[in-house]
Amino acid sequence: MINDLWYKNAVVYCLSVETFMDSNGDGIGDFQGLQRRLDYISGLGVNAIWLMPFQTSPGRDDGYDVSDYYNVDPRYGTLGDFVEFTHGARQRGIRVLIDLVVNHTSTQHPWFQNARSDPESYYRDWYIWSDKKPANANEGMVFPGVQKTTWTYDEKARQYYFHRFYEFQPDLNTSNPHVQAEILKIMGFWIQLGVSGFRMDAVPFVIAEKGADVKKPREQFAMLRVFREFLQWRLGDSIILAEANVVPKENLAYFGDDGDRMQMMFNFHVNQALFYALASGDARPLAKAIVNTSDRPETGQWGMFLRNHDELDLGRLTEKQRQKVFSEFGPDKNMQLYDRGIRRRLAPMLENDRRRLELAYSLLFSLPGTPVLRYGDEIGMGDDLSLPERNCARTPMQWSAEPHGGFTKNDKPVLPVISGGLFGFEHINVAEQRRDPNSMLNWTERLIRMRKEAPEIGWGACTVLNTGDTGVLALRYDWRDNSVLIVHNLNSKPVEVTFVVGIGEHGDLLIDIADGGNSEADANGRHRLLLDAYAYRWFRVGGLDYLLRRKEV
């Protein structure tokens, strides 16, 4: 069974159908366009595609306001187009994960329309209602500064309804067994159409108790086991990747002590510490975050990421750490969002410094988990801060120097393609980078290949080594008598470090699997490395031929 856990050594590529490739010239990406780009995605070497919401929606929150869970939004194609896409992905050995947004629906969903129209409606108890506006209605907003309340009065229902997110996204009453059964039905439907799993949106809110009288919501973790059991009954190797920004002591509750709940979770704790490390040059909080999130079941896995489609959430850093990240990567108020995060893409945050970009992605791919790469980051795409909220980092894919970056032939794309300046499609695009062996695109392909050839990272035990320098992070992974060691210099200046690998004579030789510069230990078993500013080194520990030669001598 352990060998069937494909996600332990996978690379996931996240994209939005809407902004990836337009096939029919209406300015909106679609499944036929995505199908045409499957060979490009396959060429990157990824194992799975994670699709952001594509189901029928009014589109007020980029598809996270679903109005029909059992269909494809007509702008993106048909269910037939979707099945053709999943079939094409399967032919190329790529699995498909889709967003499962079941904490809330759109106000336009027939369930809500039916619920608000009649207090005796079957669907009335599918949502959360109150005769009076609760006293804590101005607390717990997901989007502070944009969202005013979590309870809104509905004229037709003559009651207030609860919405953790925007007012057009009423929360489902997930404690209702009929709602839970419907969630299982939704998962089963898409599994039948070729999906291998789900990225479940806002998991802590999905499983929390809800209601006007609930002061401190209690999580209903048993719900997660129900989801997992159903999913694996339908498709044995399917998974749920949970979006759960929780503190480390709560992690096992989501994975399950016996690994019987979520197979994967995004590691927000490490993500925030990683950005502090990049901003400060101090690797210690990142090393601490790695250690603090190391406890997980054997079948559990972290989803590691740098940037995603949302803001970079810094809410769990200390105030001093958060201000350091703001000052380095989002100093202008226009770059910040919701009083807690930064809404930029990675390349602009790092001022398009190739050394720092490579360092960041090398870090991502060497962290203990499964790396999740966002579309466009493989070519160093930028952002458009003139667009509202999170749309600035959701601009269309830049394929070529053709008009609108080759994304569409329509003069009015769904979002403007970045044009002009450092990150314009005129010179940041796939076609140009394909021709350059030293481009970000080709470097990323090599990195993905290197990561997949080091399964110790996904499967093994991680040890943080002491390098004697607060700006240098060294991680050793051990699995099945094999070990790899990855070293990163977060300092803006060259450094020399010494360290002991710590596994006897096996650690006497470090074989560089990236650049070919090996390291041999001195008589005391210590390695000495000279690292340029922002340098990284990937090593395989020991070597059978080398050890045999030593014994012969």
Protein backbone atom coordinates (compact mmCIF):
# COMPACT_ATOMS: atom_id res chain seq x y z
CA MET A 1 0.00 0.00 0.00
CA ILE A 2 2.82 2.41 0.89
CA ASN A 3 4.27 2.14 -2.63
CA ASP A 4 0.97 3.31 -4.12
CA LEU A 5 1.19 6.75 -2.51
CA TRP A 6 1.98 8.53 -5.77
CA TYR A 7 1.64 11.97 -4.20
CA LYS A 8 4.65 11.47 -1.92
CA ASN A 9 7.12 12.06 -4.77
CA ALA A 10 5.02 14.16 -7.12
CA VAL A 11 5.19 17.68 -8.54
CA VAL A 12 1.85 19.53 -8.85
CA TYR A 13 1.13 22.30 -11.39
CA CYS A 14 -1.70 24.70 -10.49
CA LEU A 15 -3.57 26.59 -13.21
CA SER A 16 -6.79 28.44 -13.94
CA VAL A 17 -8.62 27.27 -17.06
CA GLU A 18 -9.94 30.82 -17.49
CA THR A 19 -6.50 32.39 -17.93
CA PHE A 20 -4.43 29.54 -19.42
CA MET A 21 -5.32 29.24 -23.14
CA ASP A 22 -8.25 30.47 -25.23
CA SER A 23 -9.11 28.18 -28.17
CA ASN A 24 -12.16 29.92 -29.66
CA GLY A 25 -11.17 33.59 -29.58
CA ASP A 26 -13.74 34.81 -27.06
CA GLY A 27 -11.03 36.11 -24.70
CA ILE A 28 -11.60 33.42 -22.06
CA GLY A 29 -9.48 30.33 -21.52
CA ASP A 30 -11.23 26.99 -22.00
CA PHE A 31 -10.74 23.25 -21.78
CA GLN A 32 -10.02 22.86 -25.48
CA GLY A 33 -7.25 25.41 -25.15
CA LEU A 34 -5.91 23.62 -22.06
CA GLN A 35 -5.99 20.33 -23.95
CA ARG A 36 -3.76 21.86 -26.63
CA ARG A 37 -1.21 22.80 -23.98
CA LEU A 38 -1.06 19.39 -22.29
CA ASP A 39 2.18 18.51 -24.06
CA TYR A 40 3.76 21.69 -22.70
CA ILE A 41 2.70 20.75 -19.16
CA SER A 42 3.88 17.18 -19.70
CA GLY A 43 7.24 18.54 -20.89
CA LEU A 44 7.72 20.28 -17.56
CA GLY A 45 7.75 16.86 -15.93
CA VAL A 46 4.88 17.39 -13.48
CA ASN A 47 2.76 14.50 -12.17
CA ALA A 48 -0.51 16.29 -11.48
CA ILE A 49 -2.51 19.34 -12.54
CA TRP A 50 -4.56 21.20 -9.95
CA LEU A 51 -7.43 23.12 -11.58
CA MET A 52 -8.85 26.18 -9.89
CA PRO A 53 -12.69 26.40 -9.95
CA PHE A 54 -14.29 25.88 -13.36
CA GLN A 55 -17.83 24.89 -12.38
CA THR A 56 -20.84 27.06 -13.22
CA SER A 57 -20.57 30.37 -11.37
CA PRO A 58 -21.60 34.04 -11.57
CA GLY A 59 -17.86 34.68 -11.33
CA ARG A 60 -17.93 37.27 -8.57
CA ASP A 61 -15.09 35.51 -6.71
CA ASP A 62 -13.12 33.91 -9.54
CA GLY A 63 -15.35 30.83 -9.53
CA TYR A 64 -15.33 30.25 -5.78
CA ASP A 65 -19.00 31.24 -5.79
CA VAL A 66 -20.38 28.01 -7.29
CA SER A 67 -23.94 27.89 -8.61
CA ASP A 68 -23.85 24.32 -10.04
CA TYR A 69 -21.46 21.68 -8.72
CA TYR A 70 -22.31 19.22 -11.49
CA ASN A 71 -21.38 21.18 -14.59
CA VAL A 72 -18.64 23.12 -16.36
CA ASP A 73 -19.16 26.86 -16.68
CA PRO A 74 -20.25 27.36 -20.32
CA ARG A 75 -17.46 29.92 -20.80
CA TYR A 76 -14.91 27.11 -20.42
CA GLY A 77 -16.65 24.44 -22.49
CA THR A 78 -18.75 21.38 -21.75
CA LEU A 79 -18.54 18.26 -19.63
CA GLY A 80 -17.47 16.50 -22.82
CA ASP A 81 -14.54 18.90 -23.16
CA PHE A 82 -13.62 18.24 -19.54
CA VAL A 83 -13.60 14.47 -20.05
CA GLU A 84 -11.47 14.86 -23.19
CA PHE A 85 -9.02 16.87 -21.10
CA THR A 86 -8.83 14.32 -18.26
CA HIS A 87 -8.38 11.55 -20.83
CA GLY A 88 -5.57 13.47 -22.52
CA ALA A 89 -3.90 14.08 -19.17
CA ARG A 90 -4.14 10.40 -18.26
CA GLN A 91 -2.54 9.43 -21.59
CA ARG A 92 0.45 11.57 -20.60
CA GLY A 93 0.67 10.12 -17.11
CA ILE A 94 -0.73 13.27 -15.47
CA ARG A 95 -3.38 13.13 -12.77
CA VAL A 96 -6.02 15.83 -12.35
CA LEU A 97 -7.00 17.43 -9.03
CA ILE A 98 -9.84 19.94 -8.91
CA ASP A 99 -11.00 22.51 -6.38
CA LEU A 100 -13.75 21.32 -4.05
CA VAL A 101 -15.49 24.47 -2.76
CA VAL A 102 -18.15 23.25 -0.34
CA ASN A 103 -17.92 25.66 2.57
CA HIS A 104 -20.32 27.94 0.75
CA THR A 105 -22.27 28.34 -2.48
CA SER A 106 -23.23 31.33 -4.57
CA THR A 107 -26.40 33.18 -3.60
CA GLN A 108 -27.47 32.26 -7.15
CA HIS A 109 -27.30 28.53 -6.44
CA PRO A 110 -30.77 26.91 -6.72
CA TRP A 111 -30.34 25.50 -3.21
CA PHE A 112 -30.06 28.96 -1.70
CA GLN A 113 -32.78 30.43 -3.90
CA ASN A 114 -35.10 27.64 -2.80
CA ALA A 115 -34.05 27.97 0.84
CA ARG A 116 -34.71 31.71 1.02
CA SER A 117 -38.08 31.46 -0.68
CA ASP A 118 -39.82 29.24 1.86
CA PRO A 119 -39.12 28.60 5.59
CA GLU A 120 -40.44 25.06 5.07
CA SER A 121 -38.12 24.42 2.12
CA TYR A 122 -36.11 21.17 2.11
CA TYR A 123 -33.02 23.33 1.58
CA ARG A 124 -33.72 25.84 4.36
CA ASP A 125 -31.53 23.95 6.83
CA TRP A 126 -28.77 23.63 4.23
CA TYR A 127 -27.73 27.16 5.23
CA ILE A 128 -27.24 29.04 8.53
CA TRP A 129 -29.99 31.48 9.56
CA SER A 130 -30.76 33.82 12.45
CA ASP A 131 -33.76 36.00 13.25
CA LYS A 132 -31.48 38.64 14.75
CA LYS A 133 -28.06 39.85 13.72
CA PRO A 134 -25.60 38.18 16.13
CA ALA A 135 -23.49 40.43 18.33
CA ASN A 136 -20.28 39.03 16.86
CA ALA A 137 -21.29 39.65 13.24
CA ASN A 138 -18.37 42.04 12.74
CA GLU A 139 -15.80 39.40 13.77
CA GLY A 140 -14.11 36.55 11.94
CA MET A 141 -14.19 38.03 8.44
CA VAL A 142 -11.90 36.28 5.94
CA PHE A 143 -11.42 39.50 3.99
CA PRO A 144 -10.99 42.32 6.53
CA GLY A 145 -10.95 45.77 4.99
CA VAL A 146 -13.17 44.53 2.15
CA GLN A 147 -15.79 42.51 4.03
CA LYS A 148 -18.01 44.35 6.56
CA THR A 149 -19.82 41.51 8.30
CA THR A 150 -20.38 37.75 8.43
CA TRP A 151 -24.17 38.04 8.70
CA THR A 152 -26.36 39.64 6.02
CA TYR A 153 -30.13 40.21 6.04
CA ASP A 154 -32.10 38.57 3.25
CA GLU A 155 -35.34 40.40 2.42
CA LYS A 156 -37.03 37.33 0.98
CA ALA A 157 -36.13 34.96 3.80
CA ARG A 158 -36.66 37.69 6.42
CA GLN A 159 -33.68 36.35 8.29
CA TYR A 160 -29.94 36.89 8.46
CA TYR A 161 -27.72 34.31 6.78
CA PHE A 162 -24.14 33.48 7.73
CA HIS A 163 -21.22 33.91 5.32
CA ARG A 164 -17.63 33.50 6.45
CA PHE A 165 -16.56 34.96 3.09
CA TYR A 166 -18.30 37.56 0.88
CA GLU A 167 -22.01 38.29 1.32
CA PHE A 168 -22.76 36.57 -2.01
CA GLN A 169 -21.30 33.29 -0.62
CA PRO A 170 -23.68 31.92 2.03
CA ASP A 171 -22.15 29.17 4.16
CA LEU A 172 -23.51 25.67 3.83
CA ASN A 173 -24.65 23.98 7.02
CA THR A 174 -22.08 21.20 6.78
CA SER A 175 -23.32 19.66 10.04
CA ASN A 176 -26.49 18.69 8.19
CA PRO A 177 -26.17 15.00 7.14
CA HIS A 178 -27.96 15.79 3.87
CA VAL A 179 -25.30 18.39 3.03
CA GLN A 180 -22.55 15.92 3.87
CA ALA A 181 -24.18 13.32 1.62
CA GLU A 182 -24.33 15.89 -1.18
CA ILE A 183 -20.61 16.62 -0.77
CA LEU A 184 -19.88 12.91 -1.21
CA LYS A 185 -22.09 12.84 -4.28
CA ILE A 186 -20.18 15.79 -5.78
CA MET A 187 -16.85 14.02 -5.22
CA GLY A 188 -18.17 10.79 -6.67
CA PHE A 189 -19.45 12.59 -9.77
CA TRP A 190 -16.08 14.12 -10.68
CA ILE A 191 -14.18 10.94 -9.83
CA GLN A 192 -16.28 9.21 -12.49
CA LEU A 193 -15.18 11.85 -15.00
CA GLY A 194 -11.48 11.20 -14.52
CA VAL A 195 -10.45 13.22 -11.47
CA SER A 196 -7.82 11.78 -9.09
CA GLY A 197 -8.62 13.97 -6.11
CA PHE A 198 -9.50 17.36 -4.75
CA ARG A 199 -7.93 20.43 -3.28
CA MET A 200 -10.52 21.10 -0.57
CA ASP A 201 -11.04 24.81 -0.01
CA ALA A 202 -11.19 26.33 3.50
CA VAL A 203 -11.23 23.01 5.37
CA PRO A 204 -11.29 24.47 8.93
CA PHE A 205 -14.46 26.37 8.02
CA VAL A 206 -16.03 23.34 6.32
CA ILE A 207 -15.75 21.24 9.47
CA ALA A 208 -16.46 23.98 12.01
CA GLU A 209 -19.75 24.20 13.89
CA LYS A 210 -21.80 27.14 12.62
CA GLY A 211 -24.69 29.12 14.00
CA ALA A 212 -25.75 32.33 15.71
CA ASP A 213 -25.25 30.76 19.13
CA VAL A 214 -21.77 29.38 18.38
CA LYS A 215 -19.20 31.51 20.20
CA LYS A 216 -16.15 29.30 19.75
CA PRO A 217 -16.62 26.94 16.77
CA ARG A 218 -15.62 23.34 17.40
CA GLU A 219 -14.14 21.35 14.52
CA GLN A 220 -15.96 18.17 13.52
CA PHE A 221 -12.93 16.13 12.50
CA ALA A 222 -14.92 12.93 12.01
CA MET A 223 -16.26 14.56 8.85
CA LEU A 224 -12.79 14.36 7.28
CA ARG A 225 -12.64 10.61 7.82
CA VAL A 226 -16.02 10.24 6.12
CA PHE A 227 -14.76 12.18 3.10
CA ARG A 228 -11.59 10.10 2.86
CA GLU A 229 -13.28 6.73 3.28
CA PHE A 230 -15.81 7.52 0.58
CA LEU A 231 -13.17 8.79 -1.81
CA GLN A 232 -10.88 5.80 -1.41
CA TRP A 233 -13.80 3.44 -1.74
CA ARG A 234 -14.58 5.02 -5.12
CA LEU A 235 -10.95 5.32 -6.28
CA GLY A 236 -8.24 3.75 -4.14
CA ASP A 237 -5.37 6.13 -4.90
CA SER A 238 -7.40 9.35 -4.96
CA ILE A 239 -6.49 12.10 -2.49
CA ILE A 240 -7.67 15.24 -0.74
CA LEU A 241 -5.22 18.13 -0.50
CA ALA A 242 -6.50 20.30 2.33
CA GLU A 243 -6.26 24.07 2.51
CA ALA A 244 -5.94 24.45 6.27
CA ASN A 245 -3.92 27.35 7.65
CA VAL A 246 -3.62 26.03 11.20
CA VAL A 247 -0.98 26.03 13.94
CA PRO A 248 1.39 23.01 14.10
CA LYS A 249 -0.24 21.47 17.18
CA GLU A 250 -3.45 21.01 15.16
CA ASN A 251 -1.84 19.28 12.18
CA LEU A 252 -2.37 15.71 13.32
CA ALA A 253 -6.07 16.38 13.87
CA TYR A 254 -6.35 17.04 10.12
CA PHE A 255 -4.09 14.19 8.99
CA GLY A 256 -5.52 11.83 11.61
CA ASP A 257 -3.29 10.11 14.17
CA ASP A 258 -3.51 6.94 12.09
CA GLY A 259 -3.44 8.77 8.77
CA ASP A 260 -7.16 8.21 8.26
CA ARG A 261 -8.19 11.78 7.38
CA MET A 262 -6.51 14.13 4.89
CA GLN A 263 -3.73 12.63 2.76
CA MET A 264 -2.18 16.06 2.11
CA MET A 265 -2.23 19.55 3.61
CA PHE A 266 -0.67 22.80 2.49
CA ASN A 267 2.09 23.80 4.90
CA PHE A 268 1.30 27.48 5.55
CA HIS A 269 3.53 27.48 8.62
CA VAL A 270 6.67 26.68 6.61
CA ASN A 271 5.55 28.96 3.76
CA GLN A 272 5.43 32.03 6.00
CA ALA A 273 8.74 31.18 7.66
CA LEU A 274 10.26 30.67 4.21
CA PHE A 275 9.38 34.19 3.13
CA TYR A 276 10.75 35.60 6.35
CA ALA A 277 13.98 33.69 5.67
CA LEU A 278 14.16 35.12 2.15
CA ALA A 279 13.51 38.63 3.46
CA SER A 280 15.89 38.52 6.42
CA GLY A 281 18.62 36.09 5.40
CA ASP A 282 17.95 34.22 8.66
CA ALA A 283 17.31 30.50 8.19
CA ARG A 284 16.62 29.70 11.84
CA PRO A 285 12.83 30.34 11.92
CA LEU A 286 12.49 28.29 8.72
CA ALA A 287 14.46 25.41 10.24
CA LYS A 288 12.27 25.64 13.35
CA ALA A 289 9.09 25.58 11.24
CA ILE A 290 10.33 22.47 9.41
CA VAL A 291 10.98 20.71 12.72
CA ASN A 292 7.66 21.85 14.22
CA THR A 293 5.70 20.40 11.29
CA SER A 294 7.67 17.17 10.97
CA ASP A 295 5.16 15.05 12.89
CA ARG A 296 2.73 13.47 10.45
CA PRO A 297 1.47 9.95 9.62
CA GLU A 298 3.48 7.81 7.23
CA THR A 299 0.80 8.21 4.57
CA GLY A 300 0.48 11.97 5.16
CA GLN A 301 2.28 14.54 3.05
CA TRP A 302 2.77 18.29 3.03
CA GLY A 303 1.97 20.40 0.01
CA MET A 304 4.81 22.93 -0.22
CA PHE A 305 4.40 26.16 -2.16
CA LEU A 306 5.83 29.64 -2.63
CA ARG A 307 3.04 31.70 -4.16
CA ASN A 308 -0.50 30.74 -5.06
CA HIS A 309 -3.63 32.41 -6.42
CA ASP A 310 -4.37 34.13 -3.10
CA GLU A 311 -2.40 36.71 -1.16
CA LEU A 312 0.81 35.68 0.61
CA ASP A 313 -0.69 35.25 4.09
CA LEU A 314 1.74 36.41 6.82
CA GLY A 315 -0.76 36.27 9.66
CA ARG A 316 1.13 33.72 11.74
CA LEU A 317 4.46 35.59 11.78
CA THR A 318 5.30 37.88 14.70
CA GLU A 319 4.60 41.56 14.10
CA LYS A 320 8.33 42.25 13.73
CA GLN A 321 8.80 39.39 11.26
CA ARG A 322 5.72 40.44 9.27
CA GLN A 323 6.95 44.01 8.97
CA LYS A 324 10.32 42.74 7.77
CA VAL A 325 8.64 40.76 4.97
CA PHE A 326 6.41 43.74 4.11
CA SER A 327 9.39 46.09 3.93
CA GLU A 328 11.34 43.75 1.64
CA PHE A 329 8.62 42.38 -0.63
CA GLY A 330 5.55 44.62 -0.33
CA PRO A 331 6.54 48.07 0.96
CA ASP A 332 3.69 49.94 -0.76
CA LYS A 333 0.15 49.71 0.63
CA ASN A 334 -1.03 48.85 -2.88
CA MET A 335 1.05 45.66 -2.67
CA GLN A 336 -0.61 44.55 0.57
CA LEU A 337 -4.01 43.01 1.15
CA TYR A 338 -6.45 42.18 3.98
CA ASP A 339 -4.08 43.65 6.61
CA ARG A 340 -2.12 40.40 6.63
CA GLY A 341 -0.60 39.64 3.25
CA ILE A 342 1.12 40.57 -0.01
CA ARG A 343 -0.66 40.21 -3.32
CA ARG A 344 2.35 40.09 -5.67
CA ARG A 345 3.83 37.26 -7.70
CA LEU A 346 7.24 35.93 -6.72
CA ALA A 347 9.39 37.35 -9.53
CA PRO A 348 8.46 41.01 -8.83
CA MET A 349 8.86 40.41 -5.09
CA LEU A 350 12.44 39.29 -5.72
CA GLU A 351 13.04 42.10 -8.24
CA ASN A 352 13.52 39.50 -10.97
CA ASP A 353 16.92 38.63 -9.49
CA ARG A 354 17.71 35.29 -11.11
CA ARG A 355 19.98 34.23 -8.25
CA ARG A 356 17.25 34.77 -5.66
CA LEU A 357 14.56 33.20 -7.84
CA GLU A 358 16.64 30.06 -8.27
CA LEU A 359 17.36 30.02 -4.54
CA ALA A 360 13.63 30.29 -3.73
CA TYR A 361 12.60 27.50 -6.09
CA SER A 362 15.48 25.28 -5.04
CA LEU A 363 14.27 25.76 -1.47
CA LEU A 364 10.70 24.91 -2.45
CA PHE A 365 11.70 21.70 -4.21
CA SER A 366 13.95 20.60 -1.34
CA LEU A 367 11.47 21.10 1.50
CA PRO A 368 9.94 17.98 3.13
CA GLY A 369 6.81 17.60 1.04
CA THR A 370 5.37 17.76 -2.46
CA PRO A 371 6.11 20.99 -4.37
CA VAL A 372 3.16 22.84 -5.90
CA LEU A 373 4.10 25.19 -8.75
CA ARG A 374 1.79 27.97 -9.96
CA TYR A 375 1.31 28.48 -13.70
CA GLY A 376 3.60 31.15 -15.15
CA ASP A 377 6.11 30.94 -12.33
CA GLU A 378 8.23 28.61 -14.46
CA ILE A 379 8.92 31.55 -16.78
CA GLY A 380 9.05 34.24 -14.07
CA MET A 381 5.73 35.97 -14.81
CA GLY A 382 4.94 39.25 -13.06
CA ASP A 383 1.79 40.91 -11.73
CA ASP A 384 -0.50 43.83 -12.56
CA LEU A 385 -1.10 45.88 -9.43
CA SER A 386 -3.69 48.02 -11.22
CA LEU A 387 -6.12 45.08 -11.00
CA PRO A 388 -8.26 44.76 -7.85
CA GLU A 389 -7.45 42.54 -4.88
CA ARG A 390 -6.00 39.16 -5.90
CA ASN A 391 -6.62 39.51 -9.63
CA CYS A 392 -3.25 41.21 -9.95
CA ALA A 393 -1.55 37.79 -9.70
CA ARG A 394 -4.11 35.95 -11.87
CA THR A 395 -3.27 37.41 -15.29
CA PRO A 396 -3.27 35.22 -18.44
CA MET A 397 -0.41 32.88 -19.31
CA GLN A 398 2.22 34.45 -21.56
CA TRP A 399 2.86 32.02 -24.40
CA SER A 400 4.59 34.13 -27.04
CA ALA A 401 5.33 37.65 -28.27
CA GLU A 402 2.11 37.59 -30.33
CA PRO A 403 -0.67 40.04 -29.34
CA HIS A 404 -1.98 39.31 -25.83
CA GLY A 405 0.91 36.94 -25.26
CA GLY A 406 -0.60 34.30 -27.54
CA PHE A 407 -3.29 33.65 -24.92
CA THR A 408 -6.18 34.81 -27.12
CA LYS A 409 -6.96 36.36 -30.50
CA ASN A 410 -9.64 38.51 -28.89
CA ASP A 411 -8.90 42.18 -28.24
CA LYS A 412 -10.55 41.95 -24.83
CA PRO A 413 -9.07 39.09 -22.78
CA VAL A 414 -10.82 38.13 -19.54
CA LEU A 415 -7.98 39.90 -17.69
CA PRO A 416 -5.34 42.13 -19.30
CA VAL A 417 -2.16 40.32 -20.30
CA ILE A 418 0.89 41.99 -18.75
CA SER A 419 2.48 44.17 -21.42
CA GLY A 420 5.54 46.40 -21.40
CA GLY A 421 8.08 46.84 -18.65
CA LEU A 422 10.23 44.18 -17.08
CA PHE A 423 7.54 41.48 -17.03
CA GLY A 424 5.70 42.19 -20.29
CA PHE A 425 4.76 39.28 -22.54
CA GLU A 426 6.93 40.79 -25.27
CA HIS A 427 10.01 39.21 -23.69
CA ILE A 428 8.70 37.07 -20.79
CA ASN A 429 7.02 34.20 -22.64
CA VAL A 430 7.25 30.47 -23.22
CA ALA A 431 8.29 30.61 -26.89
CA GLU A 432 11.32 32.77 -26.22
CA GLN A 433 12.44 30.83 -23.17
CA ARG A 434 12.15 27.49 -24.94
CA ARG A 435 14.92 28.59 -27.31
CA ASP A 436 17.27 29.66 -24.52
CA PRO A 437 18.95 26.72 -22.72
CA ASN A 438 19.70 29.00 -19.75
CA SER A 439 16.16 30.38 -19.44
CA MET A 440 14.06 30.16 -16.28
CA LEU A 441 11.79 27.67 -18.07
CA ASN A 442 14.57 25.24 -18.96
CA TRP A 443 16.16 25.64 -15.54
CA THR A 444 12.81 24.80 -13.89
CA GLU A 445 12.45 21.67 -16.03
CA ARG A 446 15.89 20.53 -14.86
CA LEU A 447 14.97 21.27 -11.24
CA ILE A 448 11.77 19.21 -11.50
CA ARG A 449 13.72 16.31 -12.96
CA MET A 450 16.32 16.57 -10.17
CA ARG A 451 13.60 16.62 -7.50
CA LYS A 452 11.88 13.53 -8.90
CA GLU A 453 15.22 11.71 -8.93
CA ALA A 454 15.55 12.38 -5.18
CA PRO A 455 12.58 10.46 -3.71
CA GLU A 456 14.28 10.70 -0.31
CA ILE A 457 12.83 14.22 -0.02
CA GLY A 458 9.25 13.04 -0.43
CA TRP A 459 9.58 9.79 1.51
CA GLY A 460 12.47 10.17 3.94
CA ALA A 461 13.13 11.55 7.40
CA CYS A 462 14.41 15.15 7.40
CA THR A 463 17.26 16.34 9.63
CA VAL A 464 18.39 19.96 9.95
CA LEU A 465 22.21 20.11 10.16
CA ASN A 466 24.15 22.72 12.10
CA THR A 467 26.26 24.77 9.67
CA GLY A 468 27.42 27.41 12.13
CA ASP A 469 25.90 30.19 10.01
CA THR A 470 22.39 31.51 10.69
CA GLY A 471 21.92 32.26 6.99
CA VAL A 472 22.72 28.76 5.73
CA LEU A 473 20.13 25.96 5.78
CA ALA A 474 21.30 22.36 5.37
CA LEU A 475 18.71 19.57 5.17
CA ARG A 476 19.54 15.85 5.08
CA TYR A 477 16.98 13.24 4.02
CA ASP A 478 17.36 9.52 4.75
CA TRP A 479 15.26 6.78 3.16
CA ARG A 480 15.98 3.11 2.46
CA ASP A 481 19.73 3.42 3.15
CA ASN A 482 20.01 6.37 0.77
CA SER A 483 20.55 10.01 1.69
CA VAL A 484 20.56 13.40 0.03
CA LEU A 485 21.77 16.71 1.41
CA ILE A 486 20.68 20.14 0.17
CA VAL A 487 22.40 23.34 1.27
CA HIS A 488 21.12 26.91 0.72
CA ASN A 489 22.88 30.19 1.43
CA LEU A 490 20.27 32.86 2.19
CA ASN A 491 22.99 35.46 2.77
CA SER A 492 23.56 38.27 0.27
CA LYS A 493 27.30 37.62 0.52
CA PRO A 494 29.57 34.58 0.02
CA VAL A 495 30.17 32.43 3.10
CA GLU A 496 32.26 29.46 4.15
CA VAL A 497 30.63 26.82 6.33
CA THR A 498 31.75 23.60 7.91
CA PHE A 499 29.51 20.78 9.07
CA VAL A 500 29.32 17.05 9.74
CA VAL A 501 26.84 15.05 7.69
CA GLY A 502 26.38 12.75 10.66
CA ILE A 503 25.92 9.27 9.19
CA GLY A 504 29.40 7.78 9.56
CA GLU A 505 31.61 6.99 6.60
CA HIS A 506 28.63 7.26 4.27
CA GLY A 507 28.85 11.01 4.83
CA ASP A 508 32.52 11.30 3.88
CA LEU A 509 31.70 11.98 0.23
CA LEU A 510 29.04 14.36 -1.06
CA ILE A 511 28.31 13.85 -4.76
CA ASP A 512 26.95 17.04 -6.36
CA ILE A 513 23.88 16.13 -8.43
CA ALA A 514 23.34 19.66 -9.72
CA ASP A 515 26.69 21.09 -10.81
CA GLY A 516 29.18 18.26 -10.45
CA GLY A 517 31.35 19.74 -7.68
CA ASN A 518 31.79 17.00 -5.07
CA SER A 519 32.87 17.49 -1.46
CA GLU A 520 35.06 15.10 0.53
CA ALA A 521 35.28 15.25 4.30
CA ASP A 522 38.53 15.99 6.15
CA ALA A 523 40.19 13.65 8.65
CA ASN A 524 37.69 14.77 11.30
CA GLY A 525 34.70 13.97 9.11
CA ARG A 526 33.89 17.63 8.49
CA HIS A 527 32.93 19.14 5.15
CA ARG A 528 33.97 22.66 4.19
CA LEU A 529 31.86 24.46 1.58
CA LEU A 530 32.38 27.83 -0.07
CA LEU A 531 28.98 29.21 -1.05
CA ASP A 532 28.39 32.28 -3.21
CA ALA A 533 25.62 34.72 -2.29
CA TYR A 534 22.23 32.99 -2.67
CA ALA A 535 23.94 29.75 -3.73
CA TYR A 536 22.43 26.29 -3.41
CA ARG A 537 24.00 22.82 -3.61
CA TRP A 538 22.29 19.45 -4.00
CA PHE A 539 24.30 16.38 -2.94
CA ARG A 540 23.81 12.65 -2.85
CA VAL A 541 25.49 11.33 0.28
CA GLY A 542 28.19 8.66 -0.16
CA GLY A 543 28.69 6.42 -3.12
CA LEU A 544 29.09 2.65 -3.27
CA ASP A 545 32.09 2.74 -5.63
CA TYR A 546 33.84 5.30 -3.42
CA LEU A 547 33.22 3.29 -0.24
CA LEU A 548 34.47 0.08 -1.86
CA ARG A 549 37.67 1.84 -3.00
CA ARG A 550 38.24 3.10 0.54
CA LYS A 551 37.93 -0.40 1.95
CA GLU A 552 40.36 -1.77 -0.65
CA VAL A 553 42.92 0.88 0.31
